[in-house]
Amino acid sequence: MSAYEYFVQLHRYLLWQTKKIRALERRLRALEAHLREVEAQPRTSIERIEYKFDQLKVETLEGTLNIGISPSGVGGTIEDFAVEPVKTVISKPEPALMRPIQEKVAAYLNGEAPETLKRLEQQYGRRLDNTYRQFILQDIARQTDERIRFYLQEKANHGYIPSGDRDEAVENEIFQKVKADIEQSLDAFLKHLPSGEGQM
C-alpha cells in the first residue's frame, strides 16, 4: 500500500468518525433537554402519614381498607381512595293494614296452599317430596310482604286513605289478590318444572 492510499483511507476513517461523534453529540443534547424537562416537573412527596385512631368515632364500618398496598399490587391514584357518601335509610312505618293481611297470608300458606300445591302436582303429573314442597312455600312466603305493600300502594295511588280502624273489605281484597298471585306462581312453577325434578 502506498503512502497516498494510506492517507486516503485514513481521511475516510476520520470523516466517518467525525459523523459518528456529531450524531452522538446530538443524542446527548436531546437526552439532556429531556432530563431538564423531567426535573422541572413538580413532584409530590408524602413524607409522613399519621393515623390517630383514638380520635375517630366509628358507628358503622363497611368495605375494605388497604393501607400501603392495593389488592392488585402497587399503584393507584388518590381518586381510588375517595369515600362514597353513605345513604341513611329511615324505614317508614308499616301501614295499619299490613299486619292483618300478613296473618291471613301466613294462615293460607300453612293451611290451604299445601293442598293447592298437591292438586297442581296431580294436574301436571308431578310428584314432589315434602321437603321440596316446604322449600317452595317458604320461598313464596319470603316474597309476600313485597306483594302486600305493592297492593297497599296501589290502593293509596287510587285515593284510598286508611282510617285508624281496620278496614276488613280492603284487607280481604288485598289478601285475595296475593292469594291469586301465589296460586298463579305455583301453577307456573309446576307447569314448567322439568319431569323428575323434586320427585321422591
Protein backbone atom coordinates (compact mmCIF):
# COMPACT_ATOMS: atom_id res chain seq x y z
CA MET A 1 0.00 0.00 0.00
CA SER A 2 1.40 3.37 -0.99
CA ALA A 3 1.55 6.37 1.30
CA TYR A 4 -1.08 8.13 -0.84
CA GLU A 5 -3.59 5.25 -0.47
CA TYR A 6 -2.90 5.10 3.25
CA PHE A 7 -3.71 8.82 3.69
CA VAL A 8 -6.91 8.48 1.59
CA GLN A 9 -8.08 5.58 3.76
CA LEU A 10 -7.15 7.49 6.95
CA HIS A 11 -9.08 10.53 5.67
CA ARG A 12 -12.22 8.38 5.06
CA TYR A 13 -11.92 6.88 8.53
CA LEU A 14 -11.61 10.35 10.11
CA LEU A 15 -14.75 11.55 8.20
CA TRP A 16 -16.73 8.51 9.39
CA GLN A 17 -15.54 9.09 12.97
CA THR A 18 -16.45 12.81 12.81
CA LYS A 19 -20.01 11.96 11.61
CA LYS A 20 -20.39 9.41 14.40
CA ILE A 21 -19.20 11.91 17.06
CA ARG A 22 -21.65 14.59 15.79
CA ALA A 23 -24.56 12.08 15.90
CA LEU A 24 -23.65 11.10 19.45
CA GLU A 25 -23.42 14.78 20.48
CA ARG A 26 -26.94 15.42 19.05
CA ARG A 27 -28.34 12.45 21.02
CA LEU A 28 -26.60 13.66 24.18
CA ARG A 29 -28.10 17.17 23.82
CA ALA A 30 -31.59 15.67 23.29
CA LEU A 31 -31.22 13.49 26.40
CA GLU A 32 -30.02 16.44 28.47
CA ALA A 33 -33.02 18.52 27.31
CA HIS A 34 -35.41 15.70 28.21
CA LEU A 35 -33.77 15.32 31.64
CA ARG A 36 -34.19 19.06 32.30
CA GLU A 37 -37.92 18.79 31.40
CA VAL A 38 -38.41 15.87 33.76
CA GLU A 39 -36.59 17.67 36.59
CA ALA A 40 -38.68 20.81 36.03
CA GLN A 41 -41.99 18.96 36.55
CA PRO A 42 -43.50 19.37 40.03
CA ARG A 43 -43.16 16.35 42.32
CA THR A 44 -45.46 15.12 45.02
CA SER A 45 -43.78 13.69 48.05
CA ILE A 46 -45.53 12.34 51.10
CA GLU A 47 -43.14 12.42 53.99
CA ARG A 48 -45.18 11.02 56.84
CA ILE A 49 -48.74 9.85 57.45
CA GLU A 50 -50.00 9.50 60.98
CA TYR A 51 -53.13 7.56 61.85
CA LYS A 52 -54.78 8.69 65.09
CA PHE A 53 -57.48 6.10 65.55
CA ASP A 54 -58.19 7.14 69.13
CA GLN A 55 -59.74 10.38 67.78
CA LEU A 56 -62.17 8.61 65.46
CA LYS A 57 -65.73 7.70 66.34
CA VAL A 58 -66.87 4.84 64.10
CA GLU A 59 -70.52 3.81 64.17
CA THR A 60 -70.63 1.68 61.03
CA LEU A 61 -67.62 0.24 59.25
CA GLU A 62 -68.08 -1.46 55.90
CA GLY A 63 -65.91 -2.24 52.91
CA THR A 64 -62.19 -2.95 52.51
CA LEU A 65 -59.34 -0.94 53.95
CA ASN A 66 -55.93 -1.44 52.34
CA ILE A 67 -53.12 0.61 53.83
CA GLY A 68 -49.88 0.68 51.87
CA ILE A 69 -50.67 -1.77 49.07
CA SER A 70 -53.76 -2.14 46.95
CA PRO A 71 -55.17 -5.66 46.49
CA SER A 72 -53.98 -5.87 42.88
CA GLY A 73 -50.43 -4.83 43.73
CA VAL A 74 -48.74 -1.47 43.72
CA GLY A 75 -50.26 1.64 42.23
CA GLY A 76 -53.44 3.63 42.25
CA THR A 77 -54.24 7.30 42.44
CA ILE A 78 -55.68 9.42 45.19
CA GLU A 79 -59.09 9.21 43.45
CA ASP A 80 -59.08 5.46 44.18
CA PHE A 81 -59.35 6.24 47.88
CA ALA A 82 -62.40 8.51 47.63
CA VAL A 83 -65.14 7.67 50.11
CA GLU A 84 -68.64 7.29 48.77
CA PRO A 85 -71.33 9.17 50.69
CA VAL A 86 -73.41 6.93 52.93
CA LYS A 87 -77.18 6.97 52.50
CA THR A 88 -79.18 6.83 55.69
CA VAL A 89 -82.32 4.79 55.25
CA ILE A 90 -85.15 5.68 57.57
CA SER A 91 -87.75 2.97 57.44
CA LYS A 92 -91.33 4.08 57.01
CA PRO A 93 -93.84 2.66 59.44
CA GLU A 94 -95.85 -0.22 58.05
CA PRO A 95 -99.43 0.60 57.08
CA ALA A 96 -102.03 -0.37 59.69
CA LEU A 97 -103.50 -2.98 57.31
CA MET A 98 -100.16 -4.72 56.75
CA ARG A 99 -100.22 -6.92 59.86
CA PRO A 100 -103.72 -8.39 59.43
CA ILE A 101 -103.09 -9.16 55.75
CA GLN A 102 -99.76 -10.81 56.62
CA GLU A 103 -101.58 -13.01 59.15
CA LYS A 104 -104.19 -14.06 56.58
CA VAL A 105 -101.50 -14.87 54.00
CA ALA A 106 -99.50 -16.87 56.58
CA ALA A 107 -102.62 -18.84 57.55
CA TYR A 108 -103.26 -19.56 53.86
CA LEU A 109 -99.66 -20.71 53.28
CA ASN A 110 -99.81 -23.02 56.31
CA GLY A 111 -103.27 -24.41 55.59
CA GLU A 112 -104.72 -24.24 52.10
CA ALA A 113 -101.57 -23.67 49.98
CA PRO A 114 -100.04 -27.15 50.56
CA GLU A 115 -103.32 -28.71 49.35
CA THR A 116 -103.34 -26.41 46.31
CA LEU A 117 -99.77 -27.49 45.58
CA LYS A 118 -100.70 -31.19 45.80
CA ARG A 119 -103.69 -30.62 43.50
CA LEU A 120 -101.41 -28.91 40.94
CA GLU A 121 -98.92 -31.79 41.22
CA GLN A 122 -101.68 -34.20 40.19
CA GLN A 123 -102.85 -31.87 37.42
CA TYR A 124 -99.36 -31.69 35.85
CA GLY A 125 -98.30 -35.26 36.67
CA ARG A 126 -95.54 -34.23 39.08
CA ARG A 127 -94.72 -35.74 42.44
CA LEU A 128 -92.78 -33.60 44.95
CA ASP A 129 -91.45 -34.74 48.29
CA ASN A 130 -92.43 -32.89 51.48
CA THR A 131 -89.06 -31.13 51.80
CA TYR A 132 -89.35 -29.71 48.29
CA ARG A 133 -92.94 -28.59 48.95
CA GLN A 134 -91.81 -26.79 52.13
CA PHE A 135 -88.95 -25.15 50.22
CA ILE A 136 -91.35 -23.83 47.55
CA LEU A 137 -93.82 -22.47 50.10
CA GLN A 138 -91.06 -20.84 52.18
CA ASP A 139 -89.67 -19.18 49.08
CA ILE A 140 -93.10 -17.79 48.24
CA ALA A 141 -93.62 -16.68 51.87
CA ARG A 142 -90.47 -14.54 51.63
CA GLN A 143 -91.99 -12.64 48.70
CA THR A 144 -95.47 -11.99 50.06
CA ASP A 145 -94.70 -8.84 52.10
CA GLU A 146 -93.50 -7.14 48.93
CA ARG A 147 -96.74 -8.04 47.14
CA ILE A 148 -98.86 -6.80 50.07
CA ARG A 149 -97.01 -3.47 50.06
CA PHE A 150 -97.46 -3.25 46.28
CA TYR A 151 -101.24 -3.66 46.55
CA LEU A 152 -101.48 -1.24 49.50
CA GLN A 153 -99.53 1.33 47.49
CA GLU A 154 -101.80 0.69 44.51
CA LYS A 155 -104.83 1.44 46.72
CA ALA A 156 -103.16 4.62 48.02
CA ASN A 157 -102.42 5.73 44.43
CA HIS A 158 -106.12 5.40 43.65
CA GLY A 159 -107.07 7.71 46.52
CA TYR A 160 -107.61 5.21 49.35
CA ILE A 161 -106.81 6.74 52.74
CA PRO A 162 -106.80 4.19 55.57
CA SER A 163 -108.52 5.21 58.76
CA GLY A 164 -107.21 4.26 62.18
CA ASP A 165 -109.65 1.32 62.35
CA ARG A 166 -109.29 -1.95 60.48
CA ASP A 167 -110.86 -2.00 57.04
CA GLU A 168 -111.81 -5.64 56.54
CA ALA A 169 -113.09 -5.13 52.99
CA VAL A 170 -109.71 -3.79 51.86
CA GLU A 171 -107.88 -6.47 53.88
CA ASN A 172 -109.86 -9.21 52.14
CA GLU A 173 -109.47 -7.60 48.71
CA ILE A 174 -105.68 -7.44 49.02
CA PHE A 175 -105.49 -10.91 50.59
CA GLN A 176 -107.43 -12.35 47.62
CA LYS A 177 -105.06 -10.65 45.18
CA VAL A 178 -101.97 -12.00 46.99
CA LYS A 179 -103.58 -15.46 47.19
CA ALA A 180 -104.26 -15.36 43.43
CA ASP A 181 -100.62 -14.35 42.83
CA ILE A 182 -99.42 -17.30 44.96
CA GLU A 183 -101.64 -19.79 43.13
CA GLN A 184 -100.56 -18.40 39.75
CA SER A 185 -96.89 -18.73 40.80
CA LEU A 186 -97.39 -22.32 41.95
CA ASP A 187 -99.20 -23.16 38.72
CA ALA A 188 -96.47 -21.62 36.54
CA PHE A 189 -93.73 -23.29 38.58
CA LEU A 190 -95.18 -26.79 38.32
CA LYS A 191 -96.15 -26.34 34.66
CA HIS A 192 -92.51 -25.58 33.77
CA LEU A 193 -90.84 -27.95 36.25
CA PRO A 194 -88.73 -30.49 34.37
CA SER A 195 -90.02 -34.02 34.87
CA GLY A 196 -88.09 -35.89 37.52
CA GLU A 197 -87.04 -32.79 39.46
CA GLY A 198 -88.26 -32.69 43.05
CA GLN A 199 -89.52 -36.23 42.96
CA MET A 200 -89.10 -38.74 45.75
